[in-house]
Amino acid sequence: MSKNNRLGKGLNALLGNETATNDDDQILQLKIDSIRPNPYQPRKVFNDQAIEDLAQSIREHGVIQPIIVKKTIRGHIVIAGERRLRAAQHAGLDKIPAIEKNLTDKEMREVALIENLQREDLNPIEIADAYDKLIHELNYTQEQLAKRVGKSRSQIANFLRLLQLPEAIKDYVSRGTLSYGHARTLLGVNNTEYQKILADRIIKEQLSVRETEVIVQNLANVSRETKQKTKTKSRNPEMKNIEKKLEAILGTGVKIVEGKRKGRIEIDYFSADDLDRLLKIISS
């Protein structure tokens, strides 16, 4: 089967059905210490508790599903099933059932990425990184990738946009401190400093995605009329910076009007509910 014909058929097109081996597949018993990790494995951190749980299952039932490996002059490289390999080693096994497949380096990279994408415990940033690698390292279009992983093109695009977020926010998403919905909403904020301040607010105040959407919408609508009425005279850069910080904290338009002896702060609100929201923030 040509590489082009394999597009859109998932891991089985490359590996065959892992859950039910073909008659031609020979199951080998390989020494665990002779098997090296896949150098293209995108997952760098493995959940210790998940590995221990799998190891306990292996102690009781053995390794039910063989791993997939590639033979090299230095032994074998695991293509699919690195979690099983780690858990088997953790369980104290010396050998593990395996099936040899002859894949190119490009196919090995693809399998490592797609196998991880088919797992349910990936966080949104890991998914976005895997999509990005498949596009830039394996030259997939978004349309091809969507067919390959069984997603819509818009879903692929939405995940890829997460990579535009500041590193601090991506870290929040990776740890589960911020949800995918929150992260997507933050993309509607153009200023990265605003994004960071709002992300901290979401965590501190445990804002829902809907509440975050309202704030982002307010920021997007930040008083165009007020801006249009603002005189073009030069303004104190420090005051402009304070305005930006207040807007991010309050989630709405803020204008500082300076006077000779005193000044005032103008805060936009868009409804009674929005005013109530602002009062809660100010009084907290």
C-alpha atoms as a PDB file:
ATOM      1  CA  MET A   1       0.000   0.000   0.000  1.00  0.00           C
ATOM      2  CA  SER A   2       1.448   3.419  -0.930  1.00  0.00           C
ATOM      3  CA  LYS A   3       1.980   6.093   1.672  1.00  0.00           C
ATOM      4  CA  ASN A   4      -0.660   8.296   0.078  1.00  0.00           C
ATOM      5  CA  ASN A   5      -3.241   5.531   0.284  1.00  0.00           C
ATOM      6  CA  ARG A   6      -2.529   5.193   3.983  1.00  0.00           C
ATOM      7  CA  LEU A   7      -3.665   8.710   4.734  1.00  0.00           C
ATOM      8  CA  GLY A   8      -6.788   8.789   6.844  1.00  0.00           C
ATOM      9  CA  LYS A   9      -6.676   5.141   7.901  1.00  0.00           C
ATOM     10  CA  GLY A  10      -5.103   5.575  11.350  1.00  0.00           C
ATOM     11  CA  LEU A  11      -2.486   3.394  13.028  1.00  0.00           C
ATOM     12  CA  ASN A  12      -3.867   0.164  11.638  1.00  0.00           C
ATOM     13  CA  ALA A  13      -2.776   1.210   8.154  1.00  0.00           C
ATOM     14  CA  LEU A  14       0.802   1.306   9.364  1.00  0.00           C
ATOM     15  CA  LEU A  15       0.878  -1.385  12.026  1.00  0.00           C
ATOM     16  CA  GLY A  16      -1.999  -3.718  11.340  1.00  0.00           C
ATOM     17  CA  ASN A  17      -4.565  -4.331  14.084  1.00  0.00           C
ATOM     18  CA  GLU A  18      -2.717  -4.353  17.399  1.00  0.00           C
ATOM     19  CA  THR A  19      -5.588  -5.874  19.297  1.00  0.00           C
ATOM     20  CA  ALA A  20      -5.899  -8.910  17.050  1.00  0.00           C
ATOM     21  CA  THR A  21      -2.602  -9.959  15.481  1.00  0.00           C
ATOM     22  CA  ASN A  22      -2.467 -11.272  11.925  1.00  0.00           C
ATOM     23  CA  ASP A  23      -1.640 -14.897  11.255  1.00  0.00           C
ATOM     24  CA  ASP A  24       1.639 -13.796   9.667  1.00  0.00           C
ATOM     25  CA  ASP A  25       2.683 -11.842  12.752  1.00  0.00           C
ATOM     26  CA  GLN A  26       5.142 -13.679  14.939  1.00  0.00           C
ATOM     27  CA  ILE A  27       4.974 -12.785  18.600  1.00  0.00           C
ATOM     28  CA  LEU A  28       8.477 -12.613  20.024  1.00  0.00           C
ATOM     29  CA  GLN A  29       9.552 -12.646  23.639  1.00  0.00           C
ATOM     30  CA  LEU A  30      12.150  -9.899  23.828  1.00  0.00           C
ATOM     31  CA  LYS A  31      14.372  -8.922  26.719  1.00  0.00           C
ATOM     32  CA  ILE A  32      13.159  -5.608  28.065  1.00  0.00           C
ATOM     33  CA  ASP A  33      16.659  -4.232  28.559  1.00  0.00           C
ATOM     34  CA  SER A  34      17.356  -4.748  24.845  1.00  0.00           C
ATOM     35  CA  ILE A  35      14.513  -2.430  23.780  1.00  0.00           C
ATOM     36  CA  ARG A  36      15.152   1.269  23.401  1.00  0.00           C
ATOM     37  CA  PRO A  37      12.519   4.047  23.494  1.00  0.00           C
ATOM     38  CA  ASN A  38      11.259   5.562  20.268  1.00  0.00           C
ATOM     39  CA  PRO A  39      13.446   8.644  19.669  1.00  0.00           C
ATOM     40  CA  TYR A  40      10.414  10.328  18.118  1.00  0.00           C
ATOM     41  CA  GLN A  41       8.220   9.799  21.180  1.00  0.00           C
ATOM     42  CA  PRO A  42       6.496  13.178  21.769  1.00  0.00           C
ATOM     43  CA  ARG A  43       5.500  12.349  25.334  1.00  0.00           C
ATOM     44  CA  LYS A  44       8.356  13.213  27.655  1.00  0.00           C
ATOM     45  CA  VAL A  45       6.535  12.833  30.972  1.00  0.00           C
ATOM     46  CA  PHE A  46       4.733   9.623  31.934  1.00  0.00           C
ATOM     47  CA  ASN A  47       2.263   9.601  34.804  1.00  0.00           C
ATOM     48  CA  ASP A  48       3.866   7.569  37.588  1.00  0.00           C
ATOM     49  CA  GLN A  49       0.552   6.477  39.080  1.00  0.00           C
ATOM     50  CA  ALA A  50      -0.787   5.352  35.696  1.00  0.00           C
ATOM     51  CA  ILE A  51       2.392   3.327  35.109  1.00  0.00           C
ATOM     52  CA  GLU A  52       2.082   1.727  38.559  1.00  0.00           C
ATOM     53  CA  ASP A  53      -1.596   0.867  37.938  1.00  0.00           C
ATOM     54  CA  LEU A  54      -0.689  -0.756  34.637  1.00  0.00           C
ATOM     55  CA  ALA A  55       2.236  -2.563  36.269  1.00  0.00           C
ATOM     56  CA  GLN A  56      -0.119  -4.003  38.876  1.00  0.00           C
ATOM     57  CA  SER A  57      -2.427  -5.246  36.121  1.00  0.00           C
ATOM     58  CA  ILE A  58       0.557  -6.809  34.357  1.00  0.00           C
ATOM     59  CA  ARG A  59       1.618  -8.584  37.559  1.00  0.00           C
ATOM     60  CA  GLU A  60      -1.852 -10.145  37.762  1.00  0.00           C
ATOM     61  CA  HIS A  61      -2.635 -10.819  34.095  1.00  0.00           C
ATOM     62  CA  GLY A  62       0.612 -10.412  32.176  1.00  0.00           C
ATOM     63  CA  VAL A  63       1.058  -8.275  29.063  1.00  0.00           C
ATOM     64  CA  ILE A  64      -2.070  -9.055  27.054  1.00  0.00           C
ATOM     65  CA  GLN A  65      -1.298  -6.863  24.051  1.00  0.00           C
ATOM     66  CA  PRO A  66       2.164  -7.147  22.439  1.00  0.00           C
ATOM     67  CA  ILE A  67       4.164  -4.007  21.871  1.00  0.00           C
ATOM     68  CA  ILE A  68       5.326  -3.105  18.352  1.00  0.00           C
ATOM     69  CA  VAL A  69       9.057  -2.827  17.729  1.00  0.00           C
ATOM     70  CA  LYS A  70      11.545  -2.239  14.942  1.00  0.00           C
ATOM     71  CA  LYS A  71      14.711  -4.322  14.740  1.00  0.00           C
ATOM     72  CA  THR A  72      18.009  -2.444  14.460  1.00  0.00           C
ATOM     73  CA  ILE A  73      21.655  -3.430  14.630  1.00  0.00           C
ATOM     74  CA  ARG A  74      21.657  -2.327  18.263  1.00  0.00           C
ATOM     75  CA  GLY A  75      18.591  -4.294  19.328  1.00  0.00           C
ATOM     76  CA  HIS A  76      14.986  -3.125  19.066  1.00  0.00           C
ATOM     77  CA  ILE A  77      13.232   0.236  19.217  1.00  0.00           C
ATOM     78  CA  VAL A  78       9.698   0.412  20.562  1.00  0.00           C
ATOM     79  CA  ILE A  79       7.328   1.841  17.957  1.00  0.00           C
ATOM     80  CA  ALA A  80       4.068   1.590  19.866  1.00  0.00           C
ATOM     81  CA  GLY A  81       3.457   0.566  23.458  1.00  0.00           C
ATOM     82  CA  GLU A  82       6.078   2.443  25.466  1.00  0.00           C
ATOM     83  CA  ARG A  83       3.720   2.671  28.453  1.00  0.00           C
ATOM     84  CA  ARG A  84       3.356  -1.116  28.442  1.00  0.00           C
ATOM     85  CA  LEU A  85       7.131  -1.460  28.181  1.00  0.00           C
ATOM     86  CA  ARG A  86       7.734   0.857  31.143  1.00  0.00           C
ATOM     87  CA  ALA A  87       5.002  -0.817  33.200  1.00  0.00           C
ATOM     88  CA  ALA A  88       6.330  -4.306  32.428  1.00  0.00           C
ATOM     89  CA  GLN A  89       9.783  -3.230  33.554  1.00  0.00           C
ATOM     90  CA  HIS A  90       8.251  -1.674  36.673  1.00  0.00           C
ATOM     91  CA  ALA A  91       6.410  -4.942  37.324  1.00  0.00           C
ATOM     92  CA  GLY A  92       9.736  -6.789  37.351  1.00  0.00           C
ATOM     93  CA  LEU A  93       9.391  -8.639  34.038  1.00  0.00           C
ATOM     94  CA  ASP A  94      12.543  -9.592  32.131  1.00  0.00           C
ATOM     95  CA  LYS A  95      10.787 -10.132  28.790  1.00  0.00           C
ATOM     96  CA  ILE A  96       7.791  -8.713  26.970  1.00  0.00           C
ATOM     97  CA  PRO A  97       5.756  -9.990  23.993  1.00  0.00           C
ATOM     98  CA  ALA A  98       6.476  -7.980  20.850  1.00  0.00           C
ATOM     99  CA  ILE A  99       5.808  -7.916  17.128  1.00  0.00           C
ATOM    100  CA  GLU A 100       8.417  -6.660  14.670  1.00  0.00           C
ATOM    101  CA  LYS A 101       7.413  -4.131  12.014  1.00  0.00           C
ATOM    102  CA  ASN A 102       9.705  -2.655   9.406  1.00  0.00           C
ATOM    103  CA  LEU A 103       8.898   1.047   9.344  1.00  0.00           C
ATOM    104  CA  THR A 104      10.822   4.028   8.052  1.00  0.00           C
ATOM    105  CA  ASP A 105      11.943   6.777  10.420  1.00  0.00           C
ATOM    106  CA  LYS A 106       9.140   8.968   9.081  1.00  0.00           C
ATOM    107  CA  GLU A 107       6.555   6.268   9.771  1.00  0.00           C
ATOM    108  CA  MET A 108       7.981   5.737  13.265  1.00  0.00           C
ATOM    109  CA  ARG A 109       7.583   9.438  13.991  1.00  0.00           C
ATOM    110  CA  GLU A 110       4.037   9.342  12.661  1.00  0.00           C
ATOM    111  CA  VAL A 111       3.085   6.304  14.741  1.00  0.00           C
ATOM    112  CA  ALA A 112       4.519   7.836  17.908  1.00  0.00           C
ATOM    113  CA  LEU A 113       2.489  11.012  17.374  1.00  0.00           C
ATOM    114  CA  ILE A 114      -0.776   9.377  16.340  1.00  0.00           C
ATOM    115  CA  GLU A 115      -0.612   6.679  19.028  1.00  0.00           C
ATOM    116  CA  ASN A 116      -0.390   9.428  21.628  1.00  0.00           C
ATOM    117  CA  LEU A 117      -3.251  11.350  20.015  1.00  0.00           C
ATOM    118  CA  GLN A 118      -5.484   8.287  20.308  1.00  0.00           C
ATOM    119  CA  ARG A 119      -4.989   8.260  24.079  1.00  0.00           C
ATOM    120  CA  GLU A 120      -7.596   9.997  26.205  1.00  0.00           C
ATOM    121  CA  ASP A 121      -5.266  11.424  28.851  1.00  0.00           C
ATOM    122  CA  LEU A 122      -3.419  13.930  26.700  1.00  0.00           C
ATOM    123  CA  ASN A 123      -3.802  17.537  27.755  1.00  0.00           C
ATOM    124  CA  PRO A 124      -4.789  20.153  25.130  1.00  0.00           C
ATOM    125  CA  ILE A 125      -1.248  21.494  24.754  1.00  0.00           C
ATOM    126  CA  GLU A 126       0.161  18.003  24.140  1.00  0.00           C
ATOM    127  CA  ILE A 127      -2.517  17.499  21.484  1.00  0.00           C
ATOM    128  CA  ALA A 128      -1.708  20.847  19.896  1.00  0.00           C
ATOM    129  CA  ASP A 129       2.030  20.044  19.896  1.00  0.00           C
ATOM    130  CA  ALA A 130       1.397  16.672  18.253  1.00  0.00           C
ATOM    131  CA  TYR A 131      -0.772  18.278  15.557  1.00  0.00           C
ATOM    132  CA  ASP A 132       1.902  20.902  14.961  1.00  0.00           C
ATOM    133  CA  LYS A 133       4.617  18.259  14.546  1.00  0.00           C
ATOM    134  CA  LEU A 134       2.525  16.228  12.127  1.00  0.00           C
ATOM    135  CA  ILE A 135       1.992  19.329  10.005  1.00  0.00           C
ATOM    136  CA  HIS A 136       5.495  20.777  10.087  1.00  0.00           C
ATOM    137  CA  GLU A 137       7.641  17.652  10.385  1.00  0.00           C
ATOM    138  CA  LEU A 138       5.588  15.300   8.210  1.00  0.00           C
ATOM    139  CA  ASN A 139       4.232  17.939   5.810  1.00  0.00           C
ATOM    140  CA  TYR A 140       0.544  17.231   6.377  1.00  0.00           C
ATOM    141  CA  THR A 141      -2.032  19.820   5.452  1.00  0.00           C
ATOM    142  CA  GLN A 142      -4.697  20.553   8.069  1.00  0.00           C
ATOM    143  CA  GLU A 143      -7.203  18.775   5.830  1.00  0.00           C
ATOM    144  CA  GLN A 144      -5.045  15.641   5.609  1.00  0.00           C
ATOM    145  CA  LEU A 145      -4.405  15.690   9.340  1.00  0.00           C
ATOM    146  CA  ALA A 146      -8.116  16.062  10.094  1.00  0.00           C
ATOM    147  CA  LYS A 147      -8.861  12.918   8.064  1.00  0.00           C
ATOM    148  CA  ARG A 148      -5.882  11.118   9.598  1.00  0.00           C
ATOM    149  CA  VAL A 149      -6.974  11.593  13.207  1.00  0.00           C
ATOM    150  CA  GLY A 150     -10.738  11.636  12.640  1.00  0.00           C
ATOM    151  CA  LYS A 151     -11.319  15.272  13.575  1.00  0.00           C
ATOM    152  CA  SER A 152     -12.779  18.243  11.730  1.00  0.00           C
ATOM    153  CA  ARG A 153     -10.443  20.801  10.236  1.00  0.00           C
ATOM    154  CA  SER A 154     -11.840  23.472  12.593  1.00  0.00           C
ATOM    155  CA  GLN A 155     -10.994  21.289  15.618  1.00  0.00           C
ATOM    156  CA  ILE A 156      -7.425  20.954  14.356  1.00  0.00           C
ATOM    157  CA  ALA A 157      -7.178  24.717  13.817  1.00  0.00           C
ATOM    158  CA  ASN A 158      -8.569  25.479  17.281  1.00  0.00           C
ATOM    159  CA  PHE A 159      -6.004  23.265  18.982  1.00  0.00           C
ATOM    160  CA  LEU A 160      -3.145  24.730  16.930  1.00  0.00           C
ATOM    161  CA  ARG A 161      -4.140  28.242  17.983  1.00  0.00           C
ATOM    162  CA  LEU A 162      -3.446  27.298  21.606  1.00  0.00           C
ATOM    163  CA  LEU A 163       0.265  27.337  20.763  1.00  0.00           C
ATOM    164  CA  GLN A 164      -0.009  31.118  20.289  1.00  0.00           C
ATOM    165  CA  LEU A 165      -0.672  31.594  24.014  1.00  0.00           C
ATOM    166  CA  PRO A 166       2.116  32.762  26.349  1.00  0.00           C
ATOM    167  CA  GLU A 167       4.210  29.988  27.880  1.00  0.00           C
ATOM    168  CA  ALA A 168       2.818  30.657  31.369  1.00  0.00           C
ATOM    169  CA  ILE A 169      -0.747  30.105  30.173  1.00  0.00           C
ATOM    170  CA  LYS A 170       0.199  27.004  28.171  1.00  0.00           C
ATOM    171  CA  ASP A 171       1.731  25.664  31.372  1.00  0.00           C
ATOM    172  CA  TYR A 172      -1.556  26.291  33.221  1.00  0.00           C
ATOM    173  CA  VAL A 173      -3.416  24.364  30.515  1.00  0.00           C
ATOM    174  CA  SER A 174      -0.884  21.513  30.568  1.00  0.00           C
ATOM    175  CA  ARG A 175      -1.316  21.133  34.337  1.00  0.00           C
ATOM    176  CA  GLY A 176      -5.106  21.318  34.109  1.00  0.00           C
ATOM    177  CA  THR A 177      -5.273  24.601  36.051  1.00  0.00           C
ATOM    178  CA  LEU A 178      -7.015  26.158  33.054  1.00  0.00           C
ATOM    179  CA  SER A 179      -9.426  24.245  30.838  1.00  0.00           C
ATOM    180  CA  TYR A 180      -9.386  24.019  27.062  1.00  0.00           C
ATOM    181  CA  GLY A 181     -12.487  26.238  26.996  1.00  0.00           C
ATOM    182  CA  HIS A 182     -10.773  28.909  29.075  1.00  0.00           C
ATOM    183  CA  ALA A 183      -7.680  28.774  26.874  1.00  0.00           C
ATOM    184  CA  ARG A 184      -9.729  29.141  23.688  1.00  0.00           C
ATOM    185  CA  THR A 185     -11.535  32.134  25.179  1.00  0.00           C
ATOM    186  CA  LEU A 186      -8.263  33.814  26.145  1.00  0.00           C
ATOM    187  CA  LEU A 187      -7.239  33.708  22.494  1.00  0.00           C
ATOM    188  CA  GLY A 188      -9.856  36.405  21.944  1.00  0.00           C
ATOM    189  CA  VAL A 189      -7.677  38.817  23.932  1.00  0.00           C
ATOM    190  CA  ASN A 190      -5.073  40.437  21.705  1.00  0.00           C
ATOM    191  CA  ASN A 191      -2.724  41.692  24.407  1.00  0.00           C
ATOM    192  CA  THR A 192      -0.525  38.993  25.989  1.00  0.00           C
ATOM    193  CA  GLU A 193      -0.293  40.946  29.241  1.00  0.00           C
ATOM    194  CA  TYR A 194      -4.095  41.055  29.376  1.00  0.00           C
ATOM    195  CA  GLN A 195      -4.153  37.315  28.747  1.00  0.00           C
ATOM    196  CA  LYS A 196      -1.826  36.624  31.675  1.00  0.00           C
ATOM    197  CA  ILE A 197      -3.725  38.883  34.081  1.00  0.00           C
ATOM    198  CA  LEU A 198      -7.060  37.419  33.051  1.00  0.00           C
ATOM    199  CA  ALA A 199      -5.707  33.862  33.344  1.00  0.00           C
ATOM    200  CA  ASP A 200      -4.656  34.578  36.927  1.00  0.00           C
ATOM    201  CA  ARG A 201      -8.121  35.991  37.619  1.00  0.00           C
ATOM    202  CA  ILE A 202      -9.797  32.893  36.208  1.00  0.00           C
ATOM    203  CA  ILE A 203      -7.767  30.712  38.551  1.00  0.00           C
ATOM    204  CA  LYS A 204      -8.101  32.940  41.611  1.00  0.00           C
ATOM    205  CA  GLU A 205     -11.831  33.577  41.248  1.00  0.00           C
ATOM    206  CA  GLN A 206     -12.646  30.197  39.655  1.00  0.00           C
ATOM    207  CA  LEU A 207     -14.418  31.907  36.782  1.00  0.00           C
ATOM    208  CA  SER A 208     -16.485  29.764  34.465  1.00  0.00           C
ATOM    209  CA  VAL A 209     -15.860  29.732  30.726  1.00  0.00           C
ATOM    210  CA  ARG A 210     -19.060  31.740  30.240  1.00  0.00           C
ATOM    211  CA  GLU A 211     -17.950  34.381  32.752  1.00  0.00           C
ATOM    212  CA  THR A 212     -14.603  34.564  30.991  1.00  0.00           C
ATOM    213  CA  GLU A 213     -16.333  34.976  27.622  1.00  0.00           C
ATOM    214  CA  VAL A 214     -18.266  37.977  28.982  1.00  0.00           C
ATOM    215  CA  ILE A 215     -15.053  39.629  30.173  1.00  0.00           C
ATOM    216  CA  VAL A 216     -13.296  38.990  26.870  1.00  0.00           C
ATOM    217  CA  GLN A 217     -16.276  40.378  24.962  1.00  0.00           C
ATOM    218  CA  ASN A 218     -16.199  43.482  27.139  1.00  0.00           C
ATOM    219  CA  LEU A 219     -12.506  43.930  26.440  1.00  0.00           C
ATOM    220  CA  ALA A 220     -13.151  43.511  22.718  1.00  0.00           C
ATOM    221  CA  ASN A 221     -15.776  46.236  22.934  1.00  0.00           C
ATOM    222  CA  VAL A 222     -13.627  48.476  25.118  1.00  0.00           C
ATOM    223  CA  SER A 223     -15.479  51.711  24.705  1.00  0.00           C
ATOM    224  CA  ARG A 224     -14.840  52.557  21.054  1.00  0.00           C
ATOM    225  CA  GLU A 225     -16.825  55.726  21.565  1.00  0.00           C
ATOM    226  CA  THR A 226     -14.618  56.711  24.490  1.00  0.00           C
ATOM    227  CA  LYS A 227     -11.491  56.080  22.419  1.00  0.00           C
ATOM    228  CA  GLN A 228     -12.886  58.094  19.538  1.00  0.00           C
ATOM    229  CA  LYS A 229     -13.608  60.997  21.883  1.00  0.00           C
ATOM    230  CA  THR A 230     -10.178  60.834  23.461  1.00  0.00           C
ATOM    231  CA  LYS A 231      -8.120  63.842  22.499  1.00  0.00           C
ATOM    232  CA  THR A 232      -5.080  63.154  20.403  1.00  0.00           C
ATOM    233  CA  LYS A 233      -2.788  65.036  22.780  1.00  0.00           C
ATOM    234  CA  SER A 234       0.143  63.077  24.157  1.00  0.00           C
ATOM    235  CA  ARG A 235      -0.618  61.079  27.267  1.00  0.00           C
ATOM    236  CA  ASN A 236       1.459  59.946  30.183  1.00  0.00           C
ATOM    237  CA  PRO A 237       2.773  56.480  29.173  1.00  0.00           C
ATOM    238  CA  GLU A 238       2.626  55.375  32.808  1.00  0.00           C
ATOM    239  CA  MET A 239      -1.075  56.248  32.987  1.00  0.00           C
ATOM    240  CA  LYS A 240      -1.745  54.378  29.740  1.00  0.00           C
ATOM    241  CA  ASN A 241      -0.016  51.330  31.213  1.00  0.00           C
ATOM    242  CA  ILE A 242      -2.119  51.568  34.384  1.00  0.00           C
ATOM    243  CA  GLU A 243      -5.258  51.766  32.241  1.00  0.00           C
ATOM    244  CA  LYS A 244      -4.280  48.558  30.458  1.00  0.00           C
ATOM    245  CA  LYS A 245      -3.685  46.746  33.731  1.00  0.00           C
ATOM    246  CA  LEU A 246      -7.012  47.928  35.171  1.00  0.00           C
ATOM    247  CA  GLU A 247      -8.825  46.863  32.005  1.00  0.00           C
ATOM    248  CA  ALA A 248      -7.343  43.390  32.279  1.00  0.00           C
ATOM    249  CA  ILE A 249      -8.215  43.131  35.969  1.00  0.00           C
ATOM    250  CA  LEU A 250     -11.751  44.487  35.615  1.00  0.00           C
ATOM    251  CA  GLY A 251     -12.474  42.990  32.212  1.00  0.00           C
ATOM    252  CA  THR A 252     -13.844  46.181  30.741  1.00  0.00           C
ATOM    253  CA  GLY A 253     -12.789  49.555  29.375  1.00  0.00           C
ATOM    254  CA  VAL A 254     -11.030  51.930  31.770  1.00  0.00           C
ATOM    255  CA  LYS A 255      -9.999  55.556  31.216  1.00  0.00           C
ATOM    256  CA  ILE A 256      -7.939  57.663  33.579  1.00  0.00           C
ATOM    257  CA  VAL A 257      -8.649  61.369  33.263  1.00  0.00           C
ATOM    258  CA  GLU A 258      -5.885  63.503  34.740  1.00  0.00           C
ATOM    259  CA  GLY A 259      -6.483  66.973  36.169  1.00  0.00           C
ATOM    260  CA  LYS A 260      -4.234  69.600  37.705  1.00  0.00           C
ATOM    261  CA  ARG A 261      -5.211  68.754  41.277  1.00  0.00           C
ATOM    262  CA  LYS A 262      -7.234  65.605  40.966  1.00  0.00           C
ATOM    263  CA  GLY A 263      -8.300  63.047  38.434  1.00  0.00           C
ATOM    264  CA  ARG A 264     -10.976  60.474  37.893  1.00  0.00           C
ATOM    265  CA  ILE A 265     -11.260  56.912  36.669  1.00  0.00           C
ATOM    266  CA  GLU A 266     -14.006  56.037  34.194  1.00  0.00           C
ATOM    267  CA  ILE A 267     -15.055  52.377  34.095  1.00  0.00           C
ATOM    268  CA  ASP A 268     -17.324  51.035  31.360  1.00  0.00           C
ATOM    269  CA  TYR A 269     -20.131  48.609  32.085  1.00  0.00           C
ATOM    270  CA  PHE A 270     -22.610  47.102  29.671  1.00  0.00           C
ATOM    271  CA  SER A 271     -25.542  45.910  31.763  1.00  0.00           C
ATOM    272  CA  ALA A 272     -26.847  45.716  35.317  1.00  0.00           C
ATOM    273  CA  ASP A 273     -25.287  42.275  35.672  1.00  0.00           C
ATOM    274  CA  ASP A 274     -21.984  43.618  34.427  1.00  0.00           C
ATOM    275  CA  LEU A 275     -22.151  46.473  36.952  1.00  0.00           C
ATOM    276  CA  ASP A 276     -22.831  43.959  39.716  1.00  0.00           C
ATOM    277  CA  ARG A 277     -19.820  41.945  38.547  1.00  0.00           C
ATOM    278  CA  LEU A 278     -17.603  45.022  38.735  1.00  0.00           C
ATOM    279  CA  LEU A 279     -18.855  45.927  42.217  1.00  0.00           C
ATOM    280  CA  LYS A 280     -17.961  42.437  43.454  1.00  0.00           C
ATOM    281  CA  ILE A 281     -14.442  42.762  42.040  1.00  0.00           C
ATOM    282  CA  ILE A 282     -13.896  46.229  43.513  1.00  0.00           C
ATOM    283  CA  SER A 283     -15.266  45.293  46.937  1.00  0.00           C
ATOM    284  CA  SER A 284     -13.328  42.022  47.198  1.00  0.00           C
END
